[in-house]
Protein backbone atom coordinates (compact mmCIF):
# COMPACT_ATOMS: atom_id res chain seq x y z
CA MET A 1 -17.37 -27.95 -44.96
CA GLY A 2 -16.05 -26.16 -41.90
CA ILE A 3 -17.90 -23.64 -39.74
CA LEU A 4 -20.20 -20.95 -41.08
CA SER A 5 -21.93 -18.25 -39.07
CA LYS A 6 -24.55 -16.10 -40.77
CA HIS A 7 -25.46 -12.72 -39.28
CA VAL A 8 -24.97 -13.96 -35.72
CA GLY A 9 -25.92 -11.69 -32.86
CA ILE A 10 -26.28 -12.34 -29.16
CA LYS A 11 -27.67 -10.38 -26.24
CA PHE A 12 -27.51 -11.18 -22.54
CA GLY A 13 -29.37 -9.99 -19.45
CA SER A 14 -32.27 -7.70 -18.70
CA PRO A 15 -32.16 -5.02 -19.89
CA ALA A 16 -30.44 -6.76 -22.80
CA VAL A 17 -26.80 -5.97 -23.48
CA ARG A 18 -25.56 -6.75 -26.98
CA VAL A 19 -22.34 -8.77 -26.96
CA LEU A 20 -22.11 -9.84 -30.63
CA ASN A 21 -23.49 -7.95 -33.60
CA ASP A 22 -24.13 -9.30 -37.12
CA ILE A 23 -21.14 -11.62 -37.39
CA SER A 24 -20.81 -13.62 -40.61
CA VAL A 25 -17.64 -15.66 -40.85
CA GLU A 26 -16.53 -18.85 -42.56
CA ILE A 27 -13.78 -21.04 -41.13
CA LYS A 28 -12.63 -23.78 -43.46
CA ASP A 29 -11.67 -27.30 -42.45
CA GLY A 30 -8.10 -27.47 -41.20
CA GLU A 31 -7.68 -23.76 -40.51
CA PHE A 32 -5.93 -22.48 -37.37
CA VAL A 33 -7.65 -19.25 -36.36
CA SER A 34 -6.99 -16.90 -33.46
CA LEU A 35 -9.71 -14.66 -32.02
CA SER A 36 -8.29 -11.64 -30.23
CA GLY A 37 -9.33 -8.25 -28.95
CA ARG A 38 -9.56 -6.31 -25.74
CA SER A 39 -11.44 -7.57 -22.70
CA GLY A 40 -15.16 -7.40 -23.41
CA ALA A 41 -14.71 -7.40 -27.20
CA GLY A 42 -16.80 -10.57 -27.53
CA LYS A 43 -14.09 -13.04 -28.53
CA SER A 44 -14.94 -15.74 -25.97
CA THR A 45 -18.66 -15.34 -26.65
CA LEU A 46 -18.02 -15.83 -30.36
CA LEU A 47 -16.02 -18.98 -29.61
CA TYR A 48 -18.88 -20.34 -27.49
CA VAL A 49 -21.43 -19.57 -30.21
CA LEU A 50 -19.30 -21.14 -32.96
CA SER A 51 -18.79 -24.24 -30.80
CA SER A 52 -22.50 -24.59 -29.84
CA LEU A 53 -21.89 -23.87 -26.14
CA ASP A 54 -24.01 -20.71 -26.44
CA ASN A 55 -27.04 -20.15 -28.67
CA PRO A 56 -27.12 -16.97 -30.75
CA THR A 57 -30.03 -14.59 -30.28
CA GLU A 58 -29.98 -13.91 -34.01
CA GLY A 59 -28.60 -15.70 -37.05
CA SER A 60 -27.40 -19.26 -37.45
CA VAL A 61 -24.29 -21.42 -37.17
CA GLU A 62 -23.52 -24.39 -39.39
CA ILE A 63 -20.85 -26.98 -38.63
CA SER A 64 -20.05 -29.61 -41.26
CA GLY A 65 -23.17 -28.49 -43.10
CA GLN A 66 -25.49 -28.97 -40.11
CA ASP A 67 -27.34 -26.06 -38.51
CA ILE A 68 -26.43 -26.60 -34.85
CA THR A 69 -28.91 -23.92 -33.74
CA LYS A 70 -31.71 -26.27 -34.82
CA MET A 71 -30.37 -29.55 -33.38
CA ASN A 72 -32.13 -31.15 -30.43
CA SER A 73 -30.13 -31.50 -27.22
CA ILE A 74 -29.47 -35.25 -27.55
CA ASP A 75 -28.11 -34.97 -31.09
CA LEU A 76 -26.13 -31.86 -30.18
CA HIS A 77 -24.46 -33.55 -27.19
CA ARG A 78 -23.53 -36.53 -29.35
CA PHE A 79 -22.23 -34.25 -32.11
CA ARG A 80 -20.14 -32.29 -29.61
CA ASN A 81 -18.66 -35.40 -28.01
CA GLU A 82 -17.73 -37.00 -31.33
CA GLN A 83 -16.68 -33.97 -33.40
CA MET A 84 -15.42 -31.32 -30.97
CA GLY A 85 -12.70 -30.92 -28.39
CA PHE A 86 -12.60 -28.12 -25.83
CA VAL A 87 -9.69 -26.57 -23.92
CA PHE A 88 -10.23 -23.75 -21.43
CA GLN A 89 -7.99 -21.48 -19.36
CA PHE A 90 -8.64 -23.70 -16.35
CA HIS A 91 -8.31 -27.42 -16.92
CA TYR A 92 -11.56 -28.62 -15.27
CA LEU A 93 -10.06 -32.03 -14.55
CA ILE A 94 -11.93 -34.36 -12.20
CA ALA A 95 -9.98 -34.55 -8.96
CA GLU A 96 -11.12 -38.07 -8.08
CA LEU A 97 -9.94 -39.57 -11.38
CA THR A 98 -6.40 -40.50 -12.42
CA SER A 99 -4.71 -38.90 -15.41
CA ILE A 100 -5.68 -41.63 -17.84
CA GLN A 101 -9.24 -41.75 -16.50
CA ASN A 102 -9.55 -38.00 -17.07
CA VAL A 103 -8.30 -38.38 -20.64
CA LEU A 104 -10.82 -41.16 -21.27
CA MET A 105 -13.83 -39.24 -19.91
CA PRO A 106 -15.27 -38.34 -23.36
CA ALA A 107 -14.79 -41.96 -24.47
CA MET A 108 -16.61 -43.23 -21.40
CA LYS A 109 -19.69 -41.23 -22.41
CA CYS A 110 -20.06 -43.35 -25.54
CA LYS A 111 -18.67 -46.56 -23.98
CA ARG A 112 -15.48 -46.53 -26.04
CA ASP A 113 -13.01 -46.18 -23.15
CA VAL A 114 -11.65 -49.73 -23.44
CA GLU A 115 -11.20 -49.34 -27.20
CA LEU A 116 -9.49 -45.94 -26.87
CA ARG A 117 -7.25 -46.70 -23.89
CA PRO A 118 -4.20 -47.34 -26.16
CA ARG A 119 -4.78 -43.94 -27.80
CA ALA A 120 -5.00 -42.34 -24.36
CA MET A 121 -1.60 -43.78 -23.47
CA GLU A 122 -0.19 -42.55 -26.79
CA LEU A 123 -1.43 -39.03 -26.05
CA LEU A 124 -0.01 -39.12 -22.53
CA GLU A 125 3.35 -40.21 -23.95
CA LYS A 126 3.23 -37.49 -26.62
CA PHE A 127 2.64 -34.83 -23.98
CA GLY A 128 5.28 -36.16 -21.56
CA LEU A 129 2.78 -37.64 -19.10
CA LYS A 130 3.02 -41.39 -19.71
CA GLU A 131 4.85 -42.06 -16.44
CA LYS A 132 2.14 -40.13 -14.59
CA HIS A 133 -0.88 -41.94 -16.05
CA ASP A 134 -1.97 -43.17 -12.60
CA ARG A 135 -1.50 -39.86 -10.78
CA TYR A 136 -4.30 -37.53 -9.76
CA PRO A 137 -4.56 -33.91 -10.96
CA ARG A 138 -3.38 -32.58 -7.60
CA GLN A 139 -0.11 -34.47 -8.12
CA LEU A 140 0.62 -32.65 -11.39
CA SER A 141 2.00 -29.20 -12.09
CA GLY A 142 -0.10 -26.51 -13.73
CA GLY A 143 1.51 -27.12 -17.11
CA GLU A 144 1.00 -30.87 -16.80
CA GLN A 145 -2.66 -30.36 -15.88
CA GLN A 146 -3.25 -28.24 -18.98
CA ARG A 147 -1.49 -30.75 -21.24
CA LEU A 148 -3.67 -33.44 -19.68
CA ALA A 149 -6.75 -31.36 -20.47
CA ILE A 150 -5.63 -31.09 -24.10
CA ALA A 151 -5.10 -34.87 -24.26
CA ARG A 152 -8.68 -35.28 -23.01
CA ALA A 153 -9.89 -32.89 -25.73
CA LEU A 154 -8.10 -34.96 -28.39
CA ILE A 155 -9.06 -38.49 -27.30
CA MET A 156 -12.01 -38.73 -29.72
CA LYS A 157 -9.94 -37.40 -32.66
CA PRO A 158 -12.19 -34.36 -32.99
CA LYS A 159 -12.53 -32.51 -36.26
CA TYR A 160 -12.79 -29.19 -34.42
CA LEU A 161 -10.75 -28.00 -31.44
CA PHE A 162 -11.92 -24.91 -29.52
CA ALA A 163 -9.51 -23.28 -27.06
CA ASP A 164 -10.44 -20.36 -24.78
CA GLU A 165 -7.32 -18.65 -23.39
CA PRO A 166 -5.53 -22.04 -23.12
CA THR A 167 -2.27 -20.38 -22.03
CA GLY A 168 -3.81 -17.81 -19.68
CA ALA A 169 -2.92 -19.57 -16.43
CA LEU A 170 0.54 -20.79 -17.50
CA ASP A 171 4.09 -19.48 -17.30
CA THR A 172 5.96 -18.68 -20.51
CA VAL A 173 7.61 -22.08 -20.97
CA ASN A 174 4.40 -24.05 -20.46
CA ALA A 175 2.39 -21.57 -22.54
CA GLU A 176 4.77 -22.03 -25.47
CA SER A 177 4.51 -25.81 -25.05
CA VAL A 178 0.71 -25.63 -25.26
CA MET A 179 0.89 -23.40 -28.34
CA LYS A 180 3.20 -25.90 -30.04
CA ILE A 181 0.66 -28.66 -29.36
CA LEU A 182 -2.16 -26.57 -30.87
CA GLN A 183 -0.06 -25.83 -33.95
CA GLU A 184 0.65 -29.55 -34.38
CA CYS A 185 -3.07 -30.33 -34.11
CA SER A 186 -3.59 -28.06 -37.10
CA THR A 187 -0.58 -28.92 -39.25
CA GLN A 188 -0.14 -32.64 -38.50
CA ASP A 189 -3.64 -33.79 -37.56
CA LYS A 190 -5.47 -31.41 -39.93
CA MET A 191 -7.85 -30.27 -37.19
CA THR A 192 -9.73 -27.00 -37.35
CA VAL A 193 -8.39 -25.04 -34.37
CA ILE A 194 -10.10 -21.89 -33.10
CA MET A 195 -8.30 -20.18 -30.22
CA VAL A 196 -9.16 -17.15 -28.12
CA THR A 197 -6.14 -15.31 -26.77
CA HIS A 198 -5.33 -11.87 -25.39
CA ASP A 199 -1.62 -12.38 -26.12
CA PRO A 200 -0.65 -10.75 -29.46
CA ASP A 201 2.39 -13.00 -29.86
CA PHE A 202 0.29 -16.15 -29.53
CA ALA A 203 -2.42 -14.70 -31.77
CA ALA A 204 0.24 -14.09 -34.42
CA MET A 205 1.18 -17.80 -34.36
CA ALA A 206 -2.13 -18.63 -36.05
CA PRO A 207 -2.10 -18.26 -39.86
CA ARG A 208 -5.52 -16.59 -39.72
CA LYS A 209 -6.14 -13.79 -37.24
CA ILE A 210 -9.57 -12.35 -36.45
CA VAL A 211 -9.75 -9.27 -34.22
CA LEU A 212 -12.95 -8.17 -32.48
CA ALA A 213 -14.03 -4.90 -30.87
CA ASP A 214 -17.43 -4.08 -29.39
CA GLY A 215 -18.93 -7.35 -30.59
CA LYS A 216 -17.90 -6.90 -34.21
CA ILE A 217 -15.09 -8.24 -36.39
CA ILE A 218 -12.80 -5.32 -37.18
CA SER A 219 -9.99 -7.27 -38.82
CA ASP A 220 -9.74 -10.65 -40.55
CA ASN A 221 -6.89 -11.63 -42.85
CA ALA A 222 -9.24 -13.91 -44.83
CA THR A 223 -12.28 -13.14 -46.93
CA ASN A 224 -15.61 -13.51 -45.13
CA PRO A 225 -18.89 -14.63 -46.71
CA SER A 226 -21.55 -11.99 -47.36
């Protein structure tokens, strides 16, 4: 069923400043979509609205046929934890936890950490971190920390993966490594991947490219719903 936004708008502050304006977009299951545009265009805000992290001021957002703007907080938190993975520019790892404990954090929330520990080790091995499963974030490089954050986002086998500037704090080699992982999530694992990036080369790696300016979609190489 994918993600469907209908006439979404959002305003912040007082006096109100409009950040998104009348955005209707449909993202089908399994698509890899990049959101790009200049600073202040609204791309990160759109990602947060589509992923339920921000509520729209106007319009609605449906994910897998459910209107997330009408869900209560308990159901929404459960839905997020089970269906969504999040990757940000900064890894937000917990300094006091080891690598494998950080990966298992989402599983701990629903008491599935013992069950999913083998999957956590598989992810660490896939991302070249198996030998560092008992190390703390401070003992890892920046690229390793971001790969660890992606492993954490994938532990629950989410249907939707949201990434906000996931390569922004990385050097070229590590950034390309992260992009390869995101592509594999889409092509091999059939996840819906929505990625914000300011880098035109990385944006071009997504089959579908949406460009924003002044809170509006100005380019989309797919047909949007009315």
